[in-house]
Amino acid sequence: MKRSEIRELAFKLIYSLEIQKDYDIEEQIDLYLENNQIEKKEAIEYIKDCIKGIDEKKEEITKIIENSLVSDWKIERISKVNLSLLKLAIYEIKYKDIPYKVEINEVVELAKTYGEDTSSRFINGALAKVVKDLEK
């Protein structure tokens, strides 16, 4: 299983959690892994790390997302797909030292698959601002 495939699985779980109201994160991860028959150790560790890491850093990640938006946009306007992709990308760029070009390329591709027509441009623009801000 390639890293891009594992990243896509992580995105799907992030999205699932984004649309749920109340949940136990451990229970949801276990259910997701079981329901999707994910047994490869690397995939399990990666998904758990992303989900738990995003949850632990959610306030900081949310602030980074808010700062990446143009002035008339609010985080509530972002689709759940785009929000999930931004959370995954920001977590990996900021906390996992994944090269930002690789990360941006992969989440833009996921946006083309799962998002709206404008999702890939929106994600690309927001992450460009995030990277610029993080490099300061």
C-alpha atoms as a PDB file:
ATOM      1  CA  MET A   1       0.000   0.000   0.000  1.00  0.00           C
ATOM      2  CA  LYS A   2       1.474   3.342  -1.088  1.00  0.00           C
ATOM      3  CA  ARG A   3       1.679   6.373   1.184  1.00  0.00           C
ATOM      4  CA  SER A   4      -0.771   8.243  -1.060  1.00  0.00           C
ATOM      5  CA  GLU A   5      -3.322   5.431  -0.629  1.00  0.00           C
ATOM      6  CA  ILE A   6      -2.834   5.474   3.136  1.00  0.00           C
ATOM      7  CA  ARG A   7      -3.200   9.280   3.131  1.00  0.00           C
ATOM      8  CA  GLU A   8      -6.484   8.897   1.264  1.00  0.00           C
ATOM      9  CA  LEU A   9      -7.741   6.455   3.906  1.00  0.00           C
ATOM     10  CA  ALA A  10      -6.743   8.914   6.641  1.00  0.00           C
ATOM     11  CA  PHE A  11      -8.576  11.705   4.815  1.00  0.00           C
ATOM     12  CA  LYS A  12     -11.743   9.618   4.630  1.00  0.00           C
ATOM     13  CA  LEU A  13     -11.688   9.046   8.380  1.00  0.00           C
ATOM     14  CA  ILE A  14     -10.977  12.723   9.063  1.00  0.00           C
ATOM     15  CA  TYR A  15     -13.959  13.593   6.883  1.00  0.00           C
ATOM     16  CA  SER A  16     -16.139  11.052   8.658  1.00  0.00           C
ATOM     17  CA  LEU A  17     -15.220  12.535  12.031  1.00  0.00           C
ATOM     18  CA  GLU A  18     -15.808  16.039  10.685  1.00  0.00           C
ATOM     19  CA  ILE A  19     -19.465  15.295   9.936  1.00  0.00           C
ATOM     20  CA  GLN A  20     -20.134  13.513  13.236  1.00  0.00           C
ATOM     21  CA  LYS A  21     -21.171  15.423  16.332  1.00  0.00           C
ATOM     22  CA  ASP A  22     -20.039  13.377  19.319  1.00  0.00           C
ATOM     23  CA  TYR A  23     -17.692  10.439  19.113  1.00  0.00           C
ATOM     24  CA  ASP A  24     -15.000   8.526  20.948  1.00  0.00           C
ATOM     25  CA  ILE A  25     -11.898   8.942  18.811  1.00  0.00           C
ATOM     26  CA  GLU A  26     -10.364   5.576  19.734  1.00  0.00           C
ATOM     27  CA  GLU A  27     -13.618   3.760  19.018  1.00  0.00           C
ATOM     28  CA  GLN A  28     -14.029   5.497  15.659  1.00  0.00           C
ATOM     29  CA  ILE A  29     -10.466   4.697  14.602  1.00  0.00           C
ATOM     30  CA  ASP A  30     -10.896   1.031  15.542  1.00  0.00           C
ATOM     31  CA  LEU A  31     -14.243   0.803  13.720  1.00  0.00           C
ATOM     32  CA  TYR A  32     -12.802   2.462  10.632  1.00  0.00           C
ATOM     33  CA  LEU A  33      -9.778   0.168  10.525  1.00  0.00           C
ATOM     34  CA  GLU A  34     -11.971  -2.893  11.021  1.00  0.00           C
ATOM     35  CA  ASN A  35     -14.675  -1.872   8.513  1.00  0.00           C
ATOM     36  CA  ASN A  36     -12.083  -1.078   5.851  1.00  0.00           C
ATOM     37  CA  GLN A  37     -10.047  -4.204   6.629  1.00  0.00           C
ATOM     38  CA  ILE A  38      -6.883  -2.177   7.131  1.00  0.00           C
ATOM     39  CA  GLU A  39      -4.327  -4.580   8.530  1.00  0.00           C
ATOM     40  CA  LYS A  40      -0.987  -3.246   7.323  1.00  0.00           C
ATOM     41  CA  LYS A  41       0.964  -1.966  10.338  1.00  0.00           C
ATOM     42  CA  GLU A  42       2.317   1.086   8.501  1.00  0.00           C
ATOM     43  CA  ALA A  43      -1.188   2.138   7.460  1.00  0.00           C
ATOM     44  CA  ILE A  44      -2.630   1.628  10.946  1.00  0.00           C
ATOM     45  CA  GLU A  45       0.149   3.627  12.598  1.00  0.00           C
ATOM     46  CA  TYR A  46      -0.087   6.423  10.036  1.00  0.00           C
ATOM     47  CA  ILE A  47      -3.872   6.750  10.305  1.00  0.00           C
ATOM     48  CA  LYS A  48      -3.820   6.665  14.114  1.00  0.00           C
ATOM     49  CA  ASP A  49      -1.043   9.265  14.216  1.00  0.00           C
ATOM     50  CA  CYS A  50      -2.880  11.626  11.856  1.00  0.00           C
ATOM     51  CA  ILE A  51      -6.246  11.352  13.581  1.00  0.00           C
ATOM     52  CA  LYS A  52      -4.891  11.664  17.113  1.00  0.00           C
ATOM     53  CA  GLY A  53      -2.428  14.382  16.107  1.00  0.00           C
ATOM     54  CA  ILE A  54      -5.093  16.469  14.396  1.00  0.00           C
ATOM     55  CA  ASP A  55      -7.344  16.036  17.420  1.00  0.00           C
ATOM     56  CA  GLU A  56      -4.585  17.062  19.846  1.00  0.00           C
ATOM     57  CA  LYS A  57      -3.597  20.104  17.770  1.00  0.00           C
ATOM     58  CA  LYS A  58      -7.114  21.048  16.593  1.00  0.00           C
ATOM     59  CA  GLU A  59      -7.117  24.551  18.062  1.00  0.00           C
ATOM     60  CA  GLU A  60      -3.787  25.462  16.497  1.00  0.00           C
ATOM     61  CA  ILE A  61      -4.713  23.855  13.165  1.00  0.00           C
ATOM     62  CA  THR A  62      -8.056  25.704  13.158  1.00  0.00           C
ATOM     63  CA  LYS A  63      -6.263  28.997  13.786  1.00  0.00           C
ATOM     64  CA  ILE A  64      -3.847  28.277  10.915  1.00  0.00           C
ATOM     65  CA  ILE A  65      -6.799  27.539   8.610  1.00  0.00           C
ATOM     66  CA  GLU A  66      -8.582  30.741   9.672  1.00  0.00           C
ATOM     67  CA  ASN A  67      -5.420  32.749   8.979  1.00  0.00           C
ATOM     68  CA  SER A  68      -5.139  31.220   5.508  1.00  0.00           C
ATOM     69  CA  LEU A  69      -8.573  32.426   4.416  1.00  0.00           C
ATOM     70  CA  VAL A  70      -9.239  35.625   2.530  1.00  0.00           C
ATOM     71  CA  SER A  71     -10.778  38.319   4.694  1.00  0.00           C
ATOM     72  CA  ASP A  72     -14.425  37.783   3.743  1.00  0.00           C
ATOM     73  CA  TRP A  73     -14.312  34.008   4.348  1.00  0.00           C
ATOM     74  CA  LYS A  74     -15.104  32.244   7.589  1.00  0.00           C
ATOM     75  CA  ILE A  75     -14.141  28.685   8.470  1.00  0.00           C
ATOM     76  CA  GLU A  76     -17.845  27.745   8.648  1.00  0.00           C
ATOM     77  CA  ARG A  77     -18.121  28.360   4.880  1.00  0.00           C
ATOM     78  CA  ILE A  78     -15.541  25.721   4.033  1.00  0.00           C
ATOM     79  CA  SER A  79     -16.968  22.416   2.885  1.00  0.00           C
ATOM     80  CA  LYS A  80     -16.273  19.455   5.154  1.00  0.00           C
ATOM     81  CA  VAL A  81     -14.200  17.834   2.388  1.00  0.00           C
ATOM     82  CA  ASN A  82     -11.990  20.902   2.021  1.00  0.00           C
ATOM     83  CA  LEU A  83     -11.734  21.365   5.767  1.00  0.00           C
ATOM     84  CA  SER A  84     -10.684  17.742   6.205  1.00  0.00           C
ATOM     85  CA  LEU A  85      -8.044  18.064   3.494  1.00  0.00           C
ATOM     86  CA  LEU A  86      -6.683  21.264   5.012  1.00  0.00           C
ATOM     87  CA  LYS A  87      -6.453  19.684   8.457  1.00  0.00           C
ATOM     88  CA  LEU A  88      -4.573  16.685   7.088  1.00  0.00           C
ATOM     89  CA  ALA A  89      -2.180  18.789   5.041  1.00  0.00           C
ATOM     90  CA  ILE A  90      -1.454  21.285   7.804  1.00  0.00           C
ATOM     91  CA  TYR A  91      -0.861  18.526  10.319  1.00  0.00           C
ATOM     92  CA  GLU A  92       1.592  16.760   8.053  1.00  0.00           C
ATOM     93  CA  ILE A  93       3.414  19.891   6.926  1.00  0.00           C
ATOM     94  CA  LYS A  94       3.723  21.449  10.375  1.00  0.00           C
ATOM     95  CA  TYR A  95       4.089  18.452  12.674  1.00  0.00           C
ATOM     96  CA  LYS A  96       5.367  15.580  10.541  1.00  0.00           C
ATOM     97  CA  ASP A  97       7.914  17.362   8.349  1.00  0.00           C
ATOM     98  CA  ILE A  98       6.385  16.048   5.145  1.00  0.00           C
ATOM     99  CA  PRO A  99       7.753  18.182   2.283  1.00  0.00           C
ATOM    100  CA  TYR A 100       5.055  20.746   1.599  1.00  0.00           C
ATOM    101  CA  LYS A 101       5.230  20.300  -2.190  1.00  0.00           C
ATOM    102  CA  VAL A 102       4.464  16.588  -1.847  1.00  0.00           C
ATOM    103  CA  GLU A 103       1.680  17.219   0.652  1.00  0.00           C
ATOM    104  CA  ILE A 104       0.046  20.001  -1.348  1.00  0.00           C
ATOM    105  CA  ASN A 105       0.178  17.950  -4.545  1.00  0.00           C
ATOM    106  CA  GLU A 106      -1.444  14.948  -2.893  1.00  0.00           C
ATOM    107  CA  VAL A 107      -4.251  16.832  -1.147  1.00  0.00           C
ATOM    108  CA  VAL A 108      -4.966  18.826  -4.321  1.00  0.00           C
ATOM    109  CA  GLU A 109      -5.385  15.508  -6.121  1.00  0.00           C
ATOM    110  CA  LEU A 110      -7.726  14.309  -3.368  1.00  0.00           C
ATOM    111  CA  ALA A 111      -9.656  17.577  -3.707  1.00  0.00           C
ATOM    112  CA  LYS A 112     -10.096  16.906  -7.429  1.00  0.00           C
ATOM    113  CA  THR A 113     -11.504  13.465  -6.622  1.00  0.00           C
ATOM    114  CA  TYR A 114     -13.680  14.223  -3.595  1.00  0.00           C
ATOM    115  CA  GLY A 115     -14.283  17.957  -3.664  1.00  0.00           C
ATOM    116  CA  GLU A 116     -16.203  20.425  -5.742  1.00  0.00           C
ATOM    117  CA  ASP A 117     -15.010  21.929  -9.024  1.00  0.00           C
ATOM    118  CA  THR A 118     -13.220  24.750  -7.221  1.00  0.00           C
ATOM    119  CA  SER A 119     -11.841  22.671  -4.343  1.00  0.00           C
ATOM    120  CA  SER A 120      -8.399  22.039  -5.815  1.00  0.00           C
ATOM    121  CA  ARG A 121      -7.771  25.751  -6.445  1.00  0.00           C
ATOM    122  CA  PHE A 122      -9.103  26.662  -3.004  1.00  0.00           C
ATOM    123  CA  ILE A 123      -6.917  24.050  -1.258  1.00  0.00           C
ATOM    124  CA  ASN A 124      -3.859  25.034  -3.284  1.00  0.00           C
ATOM    125  CA  GLY A 125      -4.300  28.727  -2.496  1.00  0.00           C
ATOM    126  CA  ALA A 126      -4.973  28.203   1.198  1.00  0.00           C
ATOM    127  CA  LEU A 127      -1.994  25.886   1.615  1.00  0.00           C
ATOM    128  CA  ALA A 128       0.293  28.257  -0.290  1.00  0.00           C
ATOM    129  CA  LYS A 129      -0.581  30.909   2.309  1.00  0.00           C
ATOM    130  CA  VAL A 130      -0.093  28.416   5.141  1.00  0.00           C
ATOM    131  CA  VAL A 131       3.379  27.465   3.892  1.00  0.00           C
ATOM    132  CA  LYS A 132       4.327  31.120   3.430  1.00  0.00           C
ATOM    133  CA  ASP A 133       3.171  31.917   6.980  1.00  0.00           C
ATOM    134  CA  LEU A 134       4.958  28.888   8.472  1.00  0.00           C
ATOM    135  CA  GLU A 135       8.224  29.854   6.780  1.00  0.00           C
ATOM    136  CA  LYS A 136       8.252  33.254   8.503  1.00  0.00           C
END
